[in-house]
Amino acid sequence: MSNSRLRIRPKAKTGLVHEVTPASAGWTYVGFALHRLDAGTVTGGNSGTQELCLVLVSGKARIAVDGVDFGEVGERMSPFEGAPWAVYIPAGSEWAADATTVLELAVCAAPGGGNHPAKVIAPGTHPRITRGRGANVRHVYNIMPEDDGAAHSLLVVEVITPQGNTSSYPPHKHDQDNLPHESLLEETYYHRLNPPQGFAFQRVYTDDRSLDEAMAVEDGDVTLVPKGYHPVATTAGYDLYYLNVMAGPRRVWKFHNAPEHEWLLK
């Protein structure tokens, strides 16, 4: 089993399960937290200088932002059961999530700014996209894509990769602030497997291999992508869900494919 610094195991079974900050990750922009709560328990806080996207990975909660009650949000009881519910929270806001069922709540964070109002992002706000073909098929649910005008820096997306398939593949990277050719975006992956005893693989590597780490990821792990290419592969019998959080100096997702593997796109 990999002891990579890029692979983060859950630190608890309930409560605050993950807490990635720019300081803990050694980077600048992306934060990620995950809460597992029983019905009737509450989490929340002040977003401070960050904007947040709450993603209901599974379960339901009553969400309030700056005293405004957004009502009960959520629908699926597993991340493998269709499109997500989410809530955008601007910087400088008080928020609370009161679990009305068993709840798995992701808190995606990045530097805030601009005049973006708090809002619920319901399933179907953005259509499901299927990418790839053959053993490279995966299903994408954009939550906060670059063209929605809804945030200052946050980009948030879910992907379902069917058993035995590859994803984030052919390998691509986004670690140069060099638009229009490539954007600089840090990224986290939050992995879930169905059935949960499965595992998948992720490799994070640069062209010069100064960074080259291959990780076996299990249900509930987080992986960090500070730079480089970051393909994922599932194993037979196990579907993979992952939730991506990306942010950088500009809210643009422009990636660079590994040239030696670009033939796969032709």
C-alpha atoms as a PDB file:
ATOM      1  CA  MET A   1       0.000   0.000   0.000  1.00  0.00           C
ATOM      2  CA  SER A   2       1.348   3.396  -0.983  1.00  0.00           C
ATOM      3  CA  ASN A   3       2.492   5.775   1.727  1.00  0.00           C
ATOM      4  CA  SER A   4       2.389   8.670  -0.716  1.00  0.00           C
ATOM      5  CA  ARG A   5       2.041  12.165   0.747  1.00  0.00           C
ATOM      6  CA  LEU A   6      -0.474  12.735  -2.069  1.00  0.00           C
ATOM      7  CA  ARG A   7      -2.877  10.084  -0.738  1.00  0.00           C
ATOM      8  CA  ILE A   8      -4.838  11.020   2.376  1.00  0.00           C
ATOM      9  CA  ARG A   9      -6.700   8.384   4.344  1.00  0.00           C
ATOM     10  CA  PRO A  10      -9.866   9.265   6.292  1.00  0.00           C
ATOM     11  CA  LYS A  11      -8.942  10.443   9.792  1.00  0.00           C
ATOM     12  CA  ALA A  12     -12.241   9.358  11.377  1.00  0.00           C
ATOM     13  CA  LYS A  13     -15.350   7.334  10.549  1.00  0.00           C
ATOM     14  CA  THR A  14     -17.753  10.121  11.544  1.00  0.00           C
ATOM     15  CA  GLY A  15     -17.617  13.846  12.148  1.00  0.00           C
ATOM     16  CA  LEU A  16     -14.801  15.646  10.327  1.00  0.00           C
ATOM     17  CA  VAL A  17     -13.405  12.866   8.143  1.00  0.00           C
ATOM     18  CA  HIS A  18     -11.099  14.951   5.924  1.00  0.00           C
ATOM     19  CA  GLU A  19      -9.648  18.440   6.205  1.00  0.00           C
ATOM     20  CA  VAL A  20      -7.305  19.562   3.445  1.00  0.00           C
ATOM     21  CA  THR A  21      -6.197  23.198   3.606  1.00  0.00           C
ATOM     22  CA  PRO A  22      -3.750  25.081   1.389  1.00  0.00           C
ATOM     23  CA  ALA A  23      -1.307  24.975   4.318  1.00  0.00           C
ATOM     24  CA  SER A  24      -1.640  21.208   4.834  1.00  0.00           C
ATOM     25  CA  ALA A  25      -1.394  20.505   1.091  1.00  0.00           C
ATOM     26  CA  GLY A  26       1.531  22.879   0.583  1.00  0.00           C
ATOM     27  CA  TRP A  27      -0.200  24.899  -2.091  1.00  0.00           C
ATOM     28  CA  THR A  28      -2.206  28.121  -2.545  1.00  0.00           C
ATOM     29  CA  TYR A  29      -5.816  27.755  -3.623  1.00  0.00           C
ATOM     30  CA  VAL A  30      -7.789  24.562  -2.935  1.00  0.00           C
ATOM     31  CA  GLY A  31      -9.366  23.400   0.307  1.00  0.00           C
ATOM     32  CA  PHE A  32     -11.486  20.301   0.872  1.00  0.00           C
ATOM     33  CA  ALA A  33     -13.303  18.958   3.919  1.00  0.00           C
ATOM     34  CA  LEU A  34     -15.671  16.046   4.373  1.00  0.00           C
ATOM     35  CA  HIS A  35     -18.209  15.610   7.176  1.00  0.00           C
ATOM     36  CA  ARG A  36     -20.144  12.419   7.986  1.00  0.00           C
ATOM     37  CA  LEU A  37     -23.064  13.241  10.246  1.00  0.00           C
ATOM     38  CA  ASP A  38     -25.963  11.416  11.827  1.00  0.00           C
ATOM     39  CA  ALA A  39     -29.471  12.797  11.394  1.00  0.00           C
ATOM     40  CA  GLY A  40     -30.082  15.659  13.818  1.00  0.00           C
ATOM     41  CA  THR A  41     -26.470  16.846  13.966  1.00  0.00           C
ATOM     42  CA  VAL A  42     -25.206  20.147  12.600  1.00  0.00           C
ATOM     43  CA  THR A  43     -22.037  21.494  11.041  1.00  0.00           C
ATOM     44  CA  GLY A  44     -21.201  24.943   9.726  1.00  0.00           C
ATOM     45  CA  GLY A  45     -19.099  28.024  10.230  1.00  0.00           C
ATOM     46  CA  ASN A  46     -17.974  31.204   8.520  1.00  0.00           C
ATOM     47  CA  SER A  47     -16.515  31.023   5.040  1.00  0.00           C
ATOM     48  CA  GLY A  48     -14.076  33.854   5.805  1.00  0.00           C
ATOM     49  CA  THR A  49     -11.975  34.777   2.774  1.00  0.00           C
ATOM     50  CA  GLN A  50     -13.012  31.602   0.937  1.00  0.00           C
ATOM     51  CA  GLU A  51     -15.984  30.778  -1.212  1.00  0.00           C
ATOM     52  CA  LEU A  52     -17.478  27.330  -0.652  1.00  0.00           C
ATOM     53  CA  CYS A  53     -19.433  24.736  -2.543  1.00  0.00           C
ATOM     54  CA  LEU A  54     -21.278  22.281  -0.299  1.00  0.00           C
ATOM     55  CA  VAL A  55     -21.815  19.013  -2.171  1.00  0.00           C
ATOM     56  CA  LEU A  56     -24.249  16.499  -0.693  1.00  0.00           C
ATOM     57  CA  VAL A  57     -22.321  13.355  -1.536  1.00  0.00           C
ATOM     58  CA  SER A  58     -25.137  11.378   0.070  1.00  0.00           C
ATOM     59  CA  GLY A  59     -28.086  12.165   2.303  1.00  0.00           C
ATOM     60  CA  LYS A  60     -30.114  15.291   3.008  1.00  0.00           C
ATOM     61  CA  ALA A  61     -29.664  18.430   5.089  1.00  0.00           C
ATOM     62  CA  ARG A  62     -31.366  21.714   5.812  1.00  0.00           C
ATOM     63  CA  ILE A  63     -29.002  24.457   4.667  1.00  0.00           C
ATOM     64  CA  ALA A  64     -28.963  28.085   5.866  1.00  0.00           C
ATOM     65  CA  VAL A  65     -26.654  30.868   4.681  1.00  0.00           C
ATOM     66  CA  ASP A  66     -26.519  34.220   6.531  1.00  0.00           C
ATOM     67  CA  GLY A  67     -29.835  33.407   8.184  1.00  0.00           C
ATOM     68  CA  VAL A  68     -31.597  32.576   4.912  1.00  0.00           C
ATOM     69  CA  ASP A  69     -33.149  29.099   5.038  1.00  0.00           C
ATOM     70  CA  PHE A  70     -32.622  27.238   1.761  1.00  0.00           C
ATOM     71  CA  GLY A  71     -34.765  24.351   2.992  1.00  0.00           C
ATOM     72  CA  GLU A  72     -33.983  20.665   2.809  1.00  0.00           C
ATOM     73  CA  VAL A  73     -31.462  19.885   0.090  1.00  0.00           C
ATOM     74  CA  GLY A  74     -30.397  16.472  -1.151  1.00  0.00           C
ATOM     75  CA  GLU A  75     -31.926  13.385  -2.675  1.00  0.00           C
ATOM     76  CA  ARG A  76     -29.573  10.484  -3.345  1.00  0.00           C
ATOM     77  CA  MET A  77     -28.440   8.228  -0.522  1.00  0.00           C
ATOM     78  CA  SER A  78     -25.317   7.107  -2.396  1.00  0.00           C
ATOM     79  CA  PRO A  79     -23.006   9.019  -4.753  1.00  0.00           C
ATOM     80  CA  PHE A  80     -23.710   6.289  -7.314  1.00  0.00           C
ATOM     81  CA  GLU A  81     -27.445   7.152  -7.433  1.00  0.00           C
ATOM     82  CA  GLY A  82     -27.571  10.013  -9.920  1.00  0.00           C
ATOM     83  CA  ALA A  83     -26.863  13.724 -10.023  1.00  0.00           C
ATOM     84  CA  PRO A  84     -25.783  15.778  -6.976  1.00  0.00           C
ATOM     85  CA  TRP A  85     -27.344  18.598  -5.004  1.00  0.00           C
ATOM     86  CA  ALA A  86     -24.989  21.407  -4.018  1.00  0.00           C
ATOM     87  CA  VAL A  87     -25.025  24.895  -2.476  1.00  0.00           C
ATOM     88  CA  TYR A  88     -22.680  27.776  -3.324  1.00  0.00           C
ATOM     89  CA  ILE A  89     -21.642  30.023  -0.411  1.00  0.00           C
ATOM     90  CA  PRO A  90     -19.754  33.290  -1.017  1.00  0.00           C
ATOM     91  CA  ALA A  91     -16.887  34.576   1.109  1.00  0.00           C
ATOM     92  CA  GLY A  92     -17.762  36.219   4.430  1.00  0.00           C
ATOM     93  CA  SER A  93     -20.894  34.130   4.991  1.00  0.00           C
ATOM     94  CA  GLU A  94     -22.215  32.229   8.005  1.00  0.00           C
ATOM     95  CA  TRP A  95     -23.553  28.827   7.029  1.00  0.00           C
ATOM     96  CA  ALA A  96     -25.084  25.803   8.709  1.00  0.00           C
ATOM     97  CA  ALA A  97     -26.028  22.319   7.538  1.00  0.00           C
ATOM     98  CA  ASP A  98     -28.497  20.429   9.745  1.00  0.00           C
ATOM     99  CA  ALA A  99     -28.505  16.757   8.740  1.00  0.00           C
ATOM    100  CA  THR A 100     -32.047  15.406   8.261  1.00  0.00           C
ATOM    101  CA  THR A 101     -30.736  11.935   7.327  1.00  0.00           C
ATOM    102  CA  VAL A 102     -27.344  10.280   7.613  1.00  0.00           C
ATOM    103  CA  LEU A 103     -25.257  12.792   5.662  1.00  0.00           C
ATOM    104  CA  GLU A 104     -21.969  12.864   3.807  1.00  0.00           C
ATOM    105  CA  LEU A 105     -21.200  16.532   3.097  1.00  0.00           C
ATOM    106  CA  ALA A 106     -18.210  17.760   1.103  1.00  0.00           C
ATOM    107  CA  VAL A 107     -17.033  21.337   1.646  1.00  0.00           C
ATOM    108  CA  CYS A 108     -15.078  22.529  -1.389  1.00  0.00           C
ATOM    109  CA  ALA A 109     -13.140  25.769  -0.849  1.00  0.00           C
ATOM    110  CA  ALA A 110     -11.124  28.332  -2.814  1.00  0.00           C
ATOM    111  CA  PRO A 111     -10.367  32.060  -2.566  1.00  0.00           C
ATOM    112  CA  GLY A 112     -13.530  34.126  -2.775  1.00  0.00           C
ATOM    113  CA  GLY A 113     -14.249  37.424  -4.467  1.00  0.00           C
ATOM    114  CA  GLY A 114     -16.683  39.209  -6.724  1.00  0.00           C
ATOM    115  CA  ASN A 115     -20.393  39.516  -6.122  1.00  0.00           C
ATOM    116  CA  HIS A 116     -21.671  35.958  -6.399  1.00  0.00           C
ATOM    117  CA  PRO A 117     -24.832  35.214  -4.376  1.00  0.00           C
ATOM    118  CA  ALA A 118     -25.452  32.091  -2.342  1.00  0.00           C
ATOM    119  CA  LYS A 119     -27.589  29.624  -4.273  1.00  0.00           C
ATOM    120  CA  VAL A 120     -28.758  26.037  -4.494  1.00  0.00           C
ATOM    121  CA  ILE A 121     -27.404  24.064  -7.459  1.00  0.00           C
ATOM    122  CA  ALA A 122     -30.042  21.421  -8.174  1.00  0.00           C
ATOM    123  CA  PRO A 123     -29.568  18.203 -10.179  1.00  0.00           C
ATOM    124  CA  GLY A 124     -29.940  18.914 -13.872  1.00  0.00           C
ATOM    125  CA  THR A 125     -28.608  22.472 -13.606  1.00  0.00           C
ATOM    126  CA  HIS A 126     -25.871  21.226 -15.943  1.00  0.00           C
ATOM    127  CA  PRO A 127     -26.459  18.183 -18.181  1.00  0.00           C
ATOM    128  CA  ARG A 128     -24.641  14.913 -17.594  1.00  0.00           C
ATOM    129  CA  ILE A 129     -21.797  14.483 -20.075  1.00  0.00           C
ATOM    130  CA  THR A 130     -20.383  11.140 -21.193  1.00  0.00           C
ATOM    131  CA  ARG A 131     -16.732  11.339 -22.234  1.00  0.00           C
ATOM    132  CA  GLY A 132     -14.483   8.817 -23.953  1.00  0.00           C
ATOM    133  CA  ARG A 133     -15.281   5.547 -25.666  1.00  0.00           C
ATOM    134  CA  GLY A 134     -14.775   1.866 -24.996  1.00  0.00           C
ATOM    135  CA  ALA A 135     -12.785   1.277 -21.806  1.00  0.00           C
ATOM    136  CA  ASN A 136     -12.291   5.041 -21.425  1.00  0.00           C
ATOM    137  CA  VAL A 137     -15.980   5.928 -20.924  1.00  0.00           C
ATOM    138  CA  ARG A 138     -16.887   7.991 -17.850  1.00  0.00           C
ATOM    139  CA  HIS A 139     -19.911  10.053 -16.853  1.00  0.00           C
ATOM    140  CA  VAL A 140     -19.464  13.664 -15.752  1.00  0.00           C
ATOM    141  CA  TYR A 141     -21.734  15.813 -13.566  1.00  0.00           C
ATOM    142  CA  ASN A 142     -20.559  19.427 -13.648  1.00  0.00           C
ATOM    143  CA  ILE A 143     -21.527  21.236 -10.436  1.00  0.00           C
ATOM    144  CA  MET A 144     -19.627  24.502 -10.890  1.00  0.00           C
ATOM    145  CA  PRO A 145     -18.090  24.603 -14.403  1.00  0.00           C
ATOM    146  CA  GLU A 146     -15.989  27.477 -15.730  1.00  0.00           C
ATOM    147  CA  ASP A 147     -18.795  28.909 -17.889  1.00  0.00           C
ATOM    148  CA  ASP A 148     -21.495  29.235 -15.195  1.00  0.00           C
ATOM    149  CA  GLY A 149     -20.397  32.678 -13.954  1.00  0.00           C
ATOM    150  CA  ALA A 150     -21.333  31.577 -10.438  1.00  0.00           C
ATOM    151  CA  ALA A 151     -18.033  31.779  -8.555  1.00  0.00           C
ATOM    152  CA  HIS A 152     -14.752  33.641  -8.289  1.00  0.00           C
ATOM    153  CA  SER A 153     -12.332  30.703  -8.455  1.00  0.00           C
ATOM    154  CA  LEU A 154     -14.036  27.398  -7.571  1.00  0.00           C
ATOM    155  CA  LEU A 155     -14.469  24.631 -10.150  1.00  0.00           C
ATOM    156  CA  VAL A 156     -16.332  21.526  -8.912  1.00  0.00           C
ATOM    157  CA  VAL A 157     -17.238  18.347 -10.796  1.00  0.00           C
ATOM    158  CA  GLU A 158     -18.232  14.731 -10.091  1.00  0.00           C
ATOM    159  CA  VAL A 159     -17.251  11.772 -12.268  1.00  0.00           C
ATOM    160  CA  ILE A 160     -18.511   8.185 -12.308  1.00  0.00           C
ATOM    161  CA  THR A 161     -16.075   5.734 -13.923  1.00  0.00           C
ATOM    162  CA  PRO A 162     -17.580   2.289 -14.658  1.00  0.00           C
ATOM    163  CA  GLN A 163     -15.732  -0.821 -13.536  1.00  0.00           C
ATOM    164  CA  GLY A 164     -12.524  -1.625 -15.399  1.00  0.00           C
ATOM    165  CA  ASN A 165     -12.335   1.775 -17.128  1.00  0.00           C
ATOM    166  CA  THR A 166      -9.799   4.587 -17.129  1.00  0.00           C
ATOM    167  CA  SER A 167     -10.588   8.205 -16.309  1.00  0.00           C
ATOM    168  CA  SER A 168      -8.770  11.546 -16.392  1.00  0.00           C
ATOM    169  CA  TYR A 169      -7.270   9.799 -19.404  1.00  0.00           C
ATOM    170  CA  PRO A 170      -5.464  10.127 -21.786  1.00  0.00           C
ATOM    171  CA  PRO A 171      -3.264  11.793 -19.182  1.00  0.00           C
ATOM    172  CA  HIS A 172      -3.603  15.577 -19.003  1.00  0.00           C
ATOM    173  CA  LYS A 173      -2.189  18.314 -16.805  1.00  0.00           C
ATOM    174  CA  HIS A 174      -3.045  21.892 -15.868  1.00  0.00           C
ATOM    175  CA  ASP A 175      -0.064  23.271 -13.967  1.00  0.00           C
ATOM    176  CA  GLN A 176       1.121  26.225 -16.095  1.00  0.00           C
ATOM    177  CA  ASP A 177      -0.403  29.711 -15.976  1.00  0.00           C
ATOM    178  CA  ASN A 178      -0.040  29.985 -19.746  1.00  0.00           C
ATOM    179  CA  LEU A 179      -3.420  30.833 -21.242  1.00  0.00           C
ATOM    180  CA  PRO A 180      -4.808  30.325 -23.800  1.00  0.00           C
ATOM    181  CA  HIS A 181      -2.744  27.117 -23.947  1.00  0.00           C
ATOM    182  CA  GLU A 182      -2.946  25.882 -20.355  1.00  0.00           C
ATOM    183  CA  SER A 183      -4.277  27.052 -16.982  1.00  0.00           C
ATOM    184  CA  LEU A 184      -2.800  26.530 -13.537  1.00  0.00           C
ATOM    185  CA  LEU A 185      -5.225  24.596 -11.332  1.00  0.00           C
ATOM    186  CA  GLU A 186      -4.566  22.687  -8.134  1.00  0.00           C
ATOM    187  CA  GLU A 187      -6.906  19.713  -7.710  1.00  0.00           C
ATOM    188  CA  THR A 188      -8.222  17.263  -5.137  1.00  0.00           C
ATOM    189  CA  TYR A 189      -9.949  13.954  -5.812  1.00  0.00           C
ATOM    190  CA  TYR A 190     -12.343  12.453  -3.257  1.00  0.00           C
ATOM    191  CA  HIS A 191     -12.763   8.772  -4.116  1.00  0.00           C
ATOM    192  CA  ARG A 192     -15.645   6.398  -3.407  1.00  0.00           C
ATOM    193  CA  LEU A 193     -16.030   2.823  -4.664  1.00  0.00           C
ATOM    194  CA  ASN A 194     -19.063   0.622  -5.294  1.00  0.00           C
ATOM    195  CA  PRO A 195     -18.998  -1.921  -3.679  1.00  0.00           C
ATOM    196  CA  PRO A 196     -16.914  -0.130  -1.034  1.00  0.00           C
ATOM    197  CA  GLN A 197     -14.322  -2.878  -0.473  1.00  0.00           C
ATOM    198  CA  GLY A 198     -12.856  -2.186  -3.933  1.00  0.00           C
ATOM    199  CA  PHE A 199      -9.830  -0.172  -4.942  1.00  0.00           C
ATOM    200  CA  ALA A 200      -8.589   1.861  -7.892  1.00  0.00           C
ATOM    201  CA  PHE A 201      -5.257   3.290  -8.992  1.00  0.00           C
ATOM    202  CA  GLN A 202      -4.089   6.842  -9.594  1.00  0.00           C
ATOM    203  CA  ARG A 203      -0.737   8.038 -10.896  1.00  0.00           C
ATOM    204  CA  VAL A 204       0.487  11.633 -10.523  1.00  0.00           C
ATOM    205  CA  TYR A 205       3.593  12.437 -12.569  1.00  0.00           C
ATOM    206  CA  THR A 206       5.417  15.178 -14.461  1.00  0.00           C
ATOM    207  CA  ASP A 207       7.162  15.058 -17.834  1.00  0.00           C
ATOM    208  CA  ASP A 208      10.595  14.963 -16.203  1.00  0.00           C
ATOM    209  CA  ARG A 209       9.385  12.411 -13.587  1.00  0.00           C
ATOM    210  CA  SER A 210      10.615  14.629 -10.762  1.00  0.00           C
ATOM    211  CA  LEU A 211       7.154  13.809  -9.412  1.00  0.00           C
ATOM    212  CA  ASP A 212       6.015  10.259 -10.182  1.00  0.00           C
ATOM    213  CA  GLU A 213       3.758   8.549  -7.661  1.00  0.00           C
ATOM    214  CA  ALA A 214       1.370   5.645  -8.210  1.00  0.00           C
ATOM    215  CA  MET A 215      -1.249   5.068  -5.528  1.00  0.00           C
ATOM    216  CA  ALA A 216      -3.799   2.392  -4.709  1.00  0.00           C
ATOM    217  CA  VAL A 217      -6.846   4.376  -3.602  1.00  0.00           C
ATOM    218  CA  GLU A 218      -9.590   2.925  -1.447  1.00  0.00           C
ATOM    219  CA  ASP A 219     -13.117   4.014  -0.581  1.00  0.00           C
ATOM    220  CA  GLY A 220     -13.014   7.395   1.152  1.00  0.00           C
ATOM    221  CA  ASP A 221      -9.468   8.409   0.226  1.00  0.00           C
ATOM    222  CA  VAL A 222      -8.483  11.871  -0.997  1.00  0.00           C
ATOM    223  CA  THR A 223      -5.667  12.394  -3.477  1.00  0.00           C
ATOM    224  CA  LEU A 224      -3.821  15.659  -4.103  1.00  0.00           C
ATOM    225  CA  VAL A 225      -2.716  16.815  -7.548  1.00  0.00           C
ATOM    226  CA  PRO A 226      -0.309  19.734  -7.043  1.00  0.00           C
ATOM    227  CA  LYS A 227       1.001  19.439 -10.620  1.00  0.00           C
ATOM    228  CA  GLY A 228       1.462  16.966 -13.431  1.00  0.00           C
ATOM    229  CA  TYR A 229      -0.650  14.331 -15.123  1.00  0.00           C
ATOM    230  CA  HIS A 230      -3.122  12.398 -12.950  1.00  0.00           C
ATOM    231  CA  PRO A 231      -4.876   9.453 -14.676  1.00  0.00           C
ATOM    232  CA  VAL A 232      -7.113   7.028 -12.765  1.00  0.00           C
ATOM    233  CA  ALA A 233      -7.920   3.363 -13.441  1.00  0.00           C
ATOM    234  CA  THR A 234     -10.684   1.280 -11.888  1.00  0.00           C
ATOM    235  CA  THR A 235     -10.614  -2.474 -11.332  1.00  0.00           C
ATOM    236  CA  ALA A 236     -13.093  -5.070 -12.590  1.00  0.00           C
ATOM    237  CA  GLY A 237     -16.256  -5.288 -10.478  1.00  0.00           C
ATOM    238  CA  TYR A 238     -15.896  -1.848  -8.869  1.00  0.00           C
ATOM    239  CA  ASP A 239     -17.332   1.439 -10.105  1.00  0.00           C
ATOM    240  CA  LEU A 240     -15.470   4.581  -9.039  1.00  0.00           C
ATOM    241  CA  TYR A 241     -16.925   7.939  -8.015  1.00  0.00           C
ATOM    242  CA  TYR A 242     -14.737  10.950  -7.532  1.00  0.00           C
ATOM    243  CA  LEU A 243     -15.410  14.562  -6.631  1.00  0.00           C
ATOM    244  CA  ASN A 244     -12.912  17.066  -8.023  1.00  0.00           C
ATOM    245  CA  VAL A 245     -12.197  20.507  -6.612  1.00  0.00           C
ATOM    246  CA  MET A 246     -10.015  22.777  -8.751  1.00  0.00           C
ATOM    247  CA  ALA A 247      -8.841  26.371  -8.361  1.00  0.00           C
ATOM    248  CA  GLY A 248      -6.007  28.594  -9.475  1.00  0.00           C
ATOM    249  CA  PRO A 249      -5.206  32.193 -10.363  1.00  0.00           C
ATOM    250  CA  ARG A 250      -7.884  32.191 -13.079  1.00  0.00           C
ATOM    251  CA  ARG A 251     -11.180  30.302 -13.270  1.00  0.00           C
ATOM    252  CA  VAL A 252     -10.417  28.544 -16.544  1.00  0.00           C
ATOM    253  CA  TRP A 253     -10.002  24.792 -17.145  1.00  0.00           C
ATOM    254  CA  LYS A 254      -7.534  24.510 -20.006  1.00  0.00           C
ATOM    255  CA  PHE A 255      -5.479  21.348 -19.946  1.00  0.00           C
ATOM    256  CA  HIS A 256      -2.479  19.988 -21.830  1.00  0.00           C
ATOM    257  CA  ASN A 257      -2.538  16.362 -22.978  1.00  0.00           C
ATOM    258  CA  ALA A 258       0.526  14.146 -22.598  1.00  0.00           C
ATOM    259  CA  PRO A 259       1.804  14.243 -26.191  1.00  0.00           C
ATOM    260  CA  GLU A 260       2.883  10.598 -26.308  1.00  0.00           C
ATOM    261  CA  HIS A 261      -0.692   9.496 -25.501  1.00  0.00           C
ATOM    262  CA  GLU A 262      -2.622  11.988 -27.625  1.00  0.00           C
ATOM    263  CA  TRP A 263      -3.020   9.384 -30.377  1.00  0.00           C
ATOM    264  CA  LEU A 264      -5.720   7.822 -28.191  1.00  0.00           C
ATOM    265  CA  LEU A 265      -7.948  10.836 -28.931  1.00  0.00           C
ATOM    266  CA  LYS A 266      -7.752  10.373 -32.709  1.00  0.00           C
END
